[in-house]
Each structure stands twice: as structure tokens, then as C-alpha cells.
Amino acid sequence: VSTDGFIVSPAFYPGGNIGKLSICGTV
């Protein structure tokens, strides 16, 4: 079990966004 918070700024950047990151980080 793992949990992670994502507050990346900017939320959109070349190659991804905070949504993609939030899945990748915990996966």
C-alpha cells in the first residue's frame, strides 16, 4: 500500500501533467 500527494507547479509541462504524474507516482 502506498500513498502520495502531488502539488507540481506548473501542473502542465512537456511530456505530461499532474494527472499523469499522480498515477505514475503511486503505480
PDB file of all heavy atoms in Angstrom:
ATOM      1  N   VAL A   1       0.857  -1.184   0.000  1.00  0.00           N
ATOM      2  CA  VAL A   1       0.000   0.000   0.000  1.00  0.00           C
ATOM      3  C   VAL A   1       0.890   1.229   0.000  1.00  0.00           C
ATOM      4  O   VAL A   1       1.881   1.288   0.746  1.00  0.00           O
ATOM      5  CB  VAL A   1      -0.928   0.037   1.229  1.00  0.00           C
ATOM      6  CG1 VAL A   1      -1.793   1.286   1.213  1.00  0.00           C
ATOM      7  CG2 VAL A   1      -1.802  -1.212   1.288  1.00  0.00           C
ATOM      8  N   SER A   2       0.567   2.203  -0.837  1.00  0.00           N
ATOM      9  CA  SER A   2       1.368   3.422  -0.905  1.00  0.00           C
ATOM     10  C   SER A   2       0.461   4.613  -1.165  1.00  0.00           C
ATOM     11  O   SER A   2      -0.579   4.484  -1.824  1.00  0.00           O
ATOM     12  CB  SER A   2       2.409   3.315  -2.032  1.00  0.00           C
ATOM     13  OG  SER A   2       3.222   4.471  -2.067  1.00  0.00           O
ATOM     14  N   THR A   3       0.839   5.763  -0.630  1.00  0.00           N
ATOM     15  CA  THR A   3       0.075   6.993  -0.892  1.00  0.00           C
ATOM     16  C   THR A   3       1.047   8.117  -1.206  1.00  0.00           C
ATOM     17  O   THR A   3       2.183   8.124  -0.718  1.00  0.00           O
ATOM     18  CB  THR A   3      -0.825   7.357   0.314  1.00  0.00           C
ATOM     19  OG1 THR A   3      -1.747   8.376  -0.069  1.00  0.00           O
ATOM     20  CG2 THR A   3      -0.013   7.837   1.491  1.00  0.00           C
ATOM     21  N   ASP A   4       0.610   9.051  -2.042  1.00  0.00           N
ATOM     22  CA  ASP A   4       1.491  10.134  -2.471  1.00  0.00           C
ATOM     23  C   ASP A   4       0.658  11.355  -2.822  1.00  0.00           C
ATOM     24  O   ASP A   4      -0.429  11.230  -3.392  1.00  0.00           O
ATOM     25  CB  ASP A   4       2.302   9.690  -3.698  1.00  0.00           C
ATOM     26  CG  ASP A   4       3.630  10.431  -3.820  1.00  0.00           C
ATOM     27  OD1 ASP A   4       3.811  11.453  -3.124  1.00  0.00           O
ATOM     28  OD2 ASP A   4       4.474  10.000  -4.614  1.00  0.00           O
ATOM     29  N   GLY A   5       1.161  12.531  -2.472  1.00  0.00           N
ATOM     30  CA  GLY A   5       0.495  13.782  -2.810  1.00  0.00           C
ATOM     31  C   GLY A   5       1.238  14.491  -3.919  1.00  0.00           C
ATOM     32  O   GLY A   5       2.479  14.459  -3.982  1.00  0.00           O
ATOM     33  N   PHE A   6       0.502  15.169  -4.805  1.00  0.00           N
ATOM     34  CA  PHE A   6       1.090  15.808  -5.979  1.00  0.00           C
ATOM     35  C   PHE A   6       0.637  17.261  -6.045  1.00  0.00           C
ATOM     36  O   PHE A   6      -0.554  17.553  -6.147  1.00  0.00           O
ATOM     37  CB  PHE A   6       0.684  15.050  -7.252  1.00  0.00           C
ATOM     38  CG  PHE A   6       1.115  13.607  -7.220  1.00  0.00           C
ATOM     39  CD1 PHE A   6       0.287  12.641  -6.650  1.00  0.00           C
ATOM     40  CD2 PHE A   6       2.355  13.231  -7.687  1.00  0.00           C
ATOM     41  CE1 PHE A   6       0.687  11.331  -6.582  1.00  0.00           C
ATOM     42  CE2 PHE A   6       2.770  11.907  -7.623  1.00  0.00           C
ATOM     43  CZ  PHE A   6       1.934  10.952  -7.067  1.00  0.00           C
ATOM     44  N   ILE A   7       1.611  18.167  -5.965  1.00  0.00           N
ATOM     45  CA  ILE A   7       1.320  19.606  -5.986  1.00  0.00           C
ATOM     46  C   ILE A   7       2.222  20.305  -6.996  1.00  0.00           C
ATOM     47  O   ILE A   7       2.621  21.440  -6.813  1.00  0.00           O
ATOM     48  CB  ILE A   7       1.476  20.233  -4.583  1.00  0.00           C
ATOM     49  CG1 ILE A   7       2.909  20.050  -4.056  1.00  0.00           C
ATOM     50  CG2 ILE A   7       0.492  19.615  -3.606  1.00  0.00           C
ATOM     51  CD1 ILE A   7       3.170  20.783  -2.745  1.00  0.00           C
ATOM     52  N   VAL A   8       2.566  19.584  -8.062  1.00  0.00           N
ATOM     53  CA  VAL A   8       3.561  20.070  -9.019  1.00  0.00           C
ATOM     54  C   VAL A   8       3.139  21.394  -9.657  1.00  0.00           C
ATOM     55  O   VAL A   8       1.968  21.607  -9.983  1.00  0.00           O
ATOM     56  CB  VAL A   8       3.823  19.006 -10.106  1.00  0.00           C
ATOM     57  CG1 VAL A   8       2.584  18.726 -10.933  1.00  0.00           C
ATOM     58  CG2 VAL A   8       4.993  19.404 -10.990  1.00  0.00           C
ATOM     59  N   SER A   9       4.110  22.271  -9.803  1.00  0.00           N
ATOM     60  CA  SER A   9       3.881  23.560 -10.464  1.00  0.00           C
ATOM     61  C   SER A   9       4.994  23.786 -11.480  1.00  0.00           C
ATOM     62  O   SER A   9       6.171  23.713 -11.129  1.00  0.00           O
ATOM     63  CB  SER A   9       3.886  24.695  -9.428  1.00  0.00           C
ATOM     64  OG  SER A   9       3.687  25.937 -10.049  1.00  0.00           O
ATOM     65  N   PRO A  10       4.617  24.001 -12.760  1.00  0.00           N
ATOM     66  CA  PRO A  10       3.263  24.095 -13.302  1.00  0.00           C
ATOM     67  C   PRO A  10       2.590  22.727 -13.415  1.00  0.00           C
ATOM     68  O   PRO A  10       3.271  21.711 -13.499  1.00  0.00           O
ATOM     69  CB  PRO A  10       3.493  24.708 -14.691  1.00  0.00           C
ATOM     70  CG  PRO A  10       4.860  24.238 -15.085  1.00  0.00           C
ATOM     71  CD  PRO A  10       5.658  24.209 -13.813  1.00  0.00           C
ATOM     72  N   ALA A  11       1.261  22.746 -13.427  1.00  0.00           N
ATOM     73  CA  ALA A  11       0.502  21.494 -13.481  1.00  0.00           C
ATOM     74  C   ALA A  11       0.572  20.832 -14.850  1.00  0.00           C
ATOM     75  O   ALA A  11       0.316  19.635 -14.981  1.00  0.00           O
ATOM     76  CB  ALA A  11      -0.952  21.753 -13.095  1.00  0.00           C
ATOM     77  N   PHE A  12       0.928  21.609 -15.891  1.00  0.00           N
ATOM     78  CA  PHE A  12       1.083  21.083 -17.248  1.00  0.00           C
ATOM     79  C   PHE A  12       2.493  21.405 -17.721  1.00  0.00           C
ATOM     80  O   PHE A  12       2.967  22.536 -17.556  1.00  0.00           O
ATOM     81  CB  PHE A  12       0.057  21.725 -18.192  1.00  0.00           C
ATOM     82  CG  PHE A  12      -1.364  21.394 -17.836  1.00  0.00           C
ATOM     83  CD1 PHE A  12      -2.030  22.092 -16.839  1.00  0.00           C
ATOM     84  CD2 PHE A  12      -2.034  20.375 -18.488  1.00  0.00           C
ATOM     85  CE1 PHE A  12      -3.335  21.789 -16.497  1.00  0.00           C
ATOM     86  CE2 PHE A  12      -3.350  20.060 -18.161  1.00  0.00           C
ATOM     87  CZ  PHE A  12      -4.002  20.765 -17.161  1.00  0.00           C
ATOM     88  N   TYR A  13       3.166  20.420 -18.276  1.00  0.00           N
ATOM     89  CA  TYR A  13       4.559  20.583 -18.702  1.00  0.00           C
ATOM     90  C   TYR A  13       4.827  19.643 -19.865  1.00  0.00           C
ATOM     91  O   TYR A  13       4.059  18.686 -20.091  1.00  0.00           O
ATOM     92  CB  TYR A  13       5.507  20.279 -17.527  1.00  0.00           C
ATOM     93  CG  TYR A  13       5.196  18.966 -16.841  1.00  0.00           C
ATOM     94  CD1 TYR A  13       5.671  17.761 -17.343  1.00  0.00           C
ATOM     95  CD2 TYR A  13       4.388  18.929 -15.708  1.00  0.00           C
ATOM     96  CE1 TYR A  13       5.371  16.559 -16.734  1.00  0.00           C
ATOM     97  CE2 TYR A  13       4.068  17.736 -15.099  1.00  0.00           C
ATOM     98  CZ  TYR A  13       4.571  16.550 -15.612  1.00  0.00           C
ATOM     99  OH  TYR A  13       4.251  15.357 -15.013  1.00  0.00           O
ATOM    100  N   PRO A  14       5.886  19.865 -20.630  1.00  0.00           N
ATOM    101  CA  PRO A  14       6.179  18.985 -21.768  1.00  0.00           C
ATOM    102  C   PRO A  14       6.355  17.533 -21.324  1.00  0.00           C
ATOM    103  O   PRO A  14       7.182  17.236 -20.466  1.00  0.00           O
ATOM    104  CB  PRO A  14       7.489  19.554 -22.333  1.00  0.00           C
ATOM    105  CG  PRO A  14       7.469  20.995 -21.934  1.00  0.00           C
ATOM    106  CD  PRO A  14       6.815  21.019 -20.583  1.00  0.00           C
ATOM    107  N   GLY A  15       5.538  16.656 -21.874  1.00  0.00           N
ATOM    108  CA  GLY A  15       5.627  15.241 -21.541  1.00  0.00           C
ATOM    109  C   GLY A  15       4.630  14.765 -20.511  1.00  0.00           C
ATOM    110  O   GLY A  15       4.597  13.572 -20.187  1.00  0.00           O
ATOM    111  N   GLY A  16       3.777  15.684 -19.992  1.00  0.00           N
ATOM    112  CA  GLY A  16       2.812  15.211 -19.013  1.00  0.00           C
ATOM    113  C   GLY A  16       2.077  16.329 -18.315  1.00  0.00           C
ATOM    114  O   GLY A  16       2.182  17.503 -18.673  1.00  0.00           O
ATOM    115  N   ASN A  17       1.323  15.951 -17.302  1.00  0.00           N
ATOM    116  CA  ASN A  17       0.643  16.906 -16.434  1.00  0.00           C
ATOM    117  C   ASN A  17       0.447  16.253 -15.074  1.00  0.00           C
ATOM    118  O   ASN A  17       0.800  15.083 -14.871  1.00  0.00           O
ATOM    119  CB  ASN A  17      -0.673  17.393 -17.044  1.00  0.00           C
ATOM    120  CG  ASN A  17      -1.686  16.286 -17.260  1.00  0.00           C
ATOM    121  OD1 ASN A  17      -1.915  15.438 -16.400  1.00  0.00           O
ATOM    122  ND2 ASN A  17      -2.318  16.278 -18.436  1.00  0.00           N
ATOM    123  N   ILE A  18      -0.109  17.003 -14.131  1.00  0.00           N
ATOM    124  CA  ILE A  18      -0.248  16.491 -12.769  1.00  0.00           C
ATOM    125  C   ILE A  18      -1.108  15.236 -12.707  1.00  0.00           C
ATOM    126  O   ILE A  18      -0.921  14.385 -11.828  1.00  0.00           O
ATOM    127  CB  ILE A  18      -0.800  17.605 -11.844  1.00  0.00           C
ATOM    128  CG1 ILE A  18      -0.689  17.187 -10.374  1.00  0.00           C
ATOM    129  CG2 ILE A  18      -2.225  17.987 -12.234  1.00  0.00           C
ATOM    130  CD1 ILE A  18      -1.042  18.294  -9.400  1.00  0.00           C
ATOM    131  N   GLY A  19      -2.042  15.076 -13.641  1.00  0.00           N
ATOM    132  CA  GLY A  19      -2.872  13.883 -13.658  1.00  0.00           C
ATOM    133  C   GLY A  19      -2.075  12.636 -13.994  1.00  0.00           C
ATOM    134  O   GLY A  19      -2.136  11.621 -13.285  1.00  0.00           O
ATOM    135  N   LYS A  20      -1.322  12.695 -15.066  1.00  0.00           N
ATOM    136  CA  LYS A  20      -0.455  11.570 -15.433  1.00  0.00           C
ATOM    137  C   LYS A  20       0.524  11.263 -14.314  1.00  0.00           C
ATOM    138  O   LYS A  20       0.747  10.099 -13.956  1.00  0.00           O
ATOM    139  CB  LYS A  20       0.291  11.903 -16.733  1.00  0.00           C
ATOM    140  CG  LYS A  20       1.243  10.803 -17.197  1.00  0.00           C
ATOM    141  CD  LYS A  20       1.959  11.215 -18.477  1.00  0.00           C
ATOM    142  CE  LYS A  20       2.902  10.113 -18.958  1.00  0.00           C
ATOM    143  NZ  LYS A  20       3.623  10.510 -20.190  1.00  0.00           N
ATOM    144  N   LEU A  21       1.104  12.311 -13.744  1.00  0.00           N
ATOM    145  CA  LEU A  21       2.085  12.151 -12.675  1.00  0.00           C
ATOM    146  C   LEU A  21       1.481  11.460 -11.459  1.00  0.00           C
ATOM    147  O   LEU A  21       2.121  10.622 -10.816  1.00  0.00           O
ATOM    148  CB  LEU A  21       2.644  13.521 -12.291  1.00  0.00           C
ATOM    149  CG  LEU A  21       3.744  13.560 -11.235  1.00  0.00           C
ATOM    150  CD1 LEU A  21       4.988  12.839 -11.719  1.00  0.00           C
ATOM    151  CD2 LEU A  21       4.073  15.003 -10.869  1.00  0.00           C
ATOM    152  N   SER A  22       0.233  11.796 -11.129  1.00  0.00           N
ATOM    153  CA  SER A  22      -0.400  11.232  -9.933  1.00  0.00           C
ATOM    154  C   SER A  22      -0.623   9.731 -10.058  1.00  0.00           C
ATOM    155  O   SER A  22      -0.620   9.010  -9.055  1.00  0.00           O
ATOM    156  CB  SER A  22      -1.726  11.939  -9.647  1.00  0.00           C
ATOM    157  OG  SER A  22      -2.722  11.603 -10.602  1.00  0.00           O
ATOM    158  N   ILE A  23      -0.824   9.252 -11.268  1.00  0.00           N
ATOM    159  CA  ILE A  23      -0.952   7.807 -11.486  1.00  0.00           C
ATOM    160  C   ILE A  23       0.426   7.157 -11.492  1.00  0.00           C
ATOM    161  O   ILE A  23       0.669   6.161 -10.800  1.00  0.00           O
ATOM    162  CB  ILE A  23      -1.680   7.499 -12.802  1.00  0.00           C
ATOM    163  CG1 ILE A  23      -3.077   8.149 -12.826  1.00  0.00           C
ATOM    164  CG2 ILE A  23      -1.788   5.989 -13.012  1.00  0.00           C
ATOM    165  CD1 ILE A  23      -4.030   7.647 -11.786  1.00  0.00           C
ATOM    166  N   CYS A  24       1.349   7.723 -12.252  1.00  0.00           N
ATOM    167  CA  CYS A  24       2.695   7.150 -12.358  1.00  0.00           C
ATOM    168  C   CYS A  24       3.380   7.071 -11.002  1.00  0.00           C
ATOM    169  O   CYS A  24       4.015   6.062 -10.666  1.00  0.00           O
ATOM    170  CB  CYS A  24       3.548   7.973 -13.314  1.00  0.00           C
ATOM    171  SG  CYS A  24       3.044   7.894 -15.039  1.00  0.00           S
ATOM    172  N   GLY A  25       3.264   8.135 -10.204  1.00  0.00           N
ATOM    173  CA  GLY A  25       3.977   8.173  -8.932  1.00  0.00           C
ATOM    174  C   GLY A  25       3.604   7.028  -8.019  1.00  0.00           C
ATOM    175  O   GLY A  25       4.476   6.351  -7.455  1.00  0.00           O
ATOM    176  N   THR A  26       2.308   6.777  -7.857  1.00  0.00           N
ATOM    177  CA  THR A  26       1.882   5.717  -6.944  1.00  0.00           C
ATOM    178  C   THR A  26       2.041   4.338  -7.565  1.00  0.00           C
ATOM    179  O   THR A  26       2.444   3.384  -6.884  1.00  0.00           O
ATOM    180  CB  THR A  26       0.432   5.965  -6.501  1.00  0.00           C
ATOM    181  OG1 THR A  26       0.395   7.195  -5.748  1.00  0.00           O
ATOM    182  CG2 THR A  26      -0.088   4.849  -5.623  1.00  0.00           C
ATOM    183  N   VAL A  27       1.749   4.207  -8.850  1.00  0.00           N
ATOM    184  CA  VAL A  27       1.974   2.929  -9.535  1.00  0.00           C
ATOM    185  C   VAL A  27       3.444   2.515  -9.426  1.00  0.00           C
ATOM    186  O   VAL A  27       3.773   1.352  -9.150  1.00  0.00           O
ATOM    187  CB  VAL A  27       1.547   3.033 -11.014  1.00  0.00           C
ATOM    188  CG1 VAL A  27       2.171   1.922 -11.852  1.00  0.00           C
ATOM    189  CG2 VAL A  27       0.026   2.976 -11.125  1.00  0.00           C
TER     190      VAL A  27
END
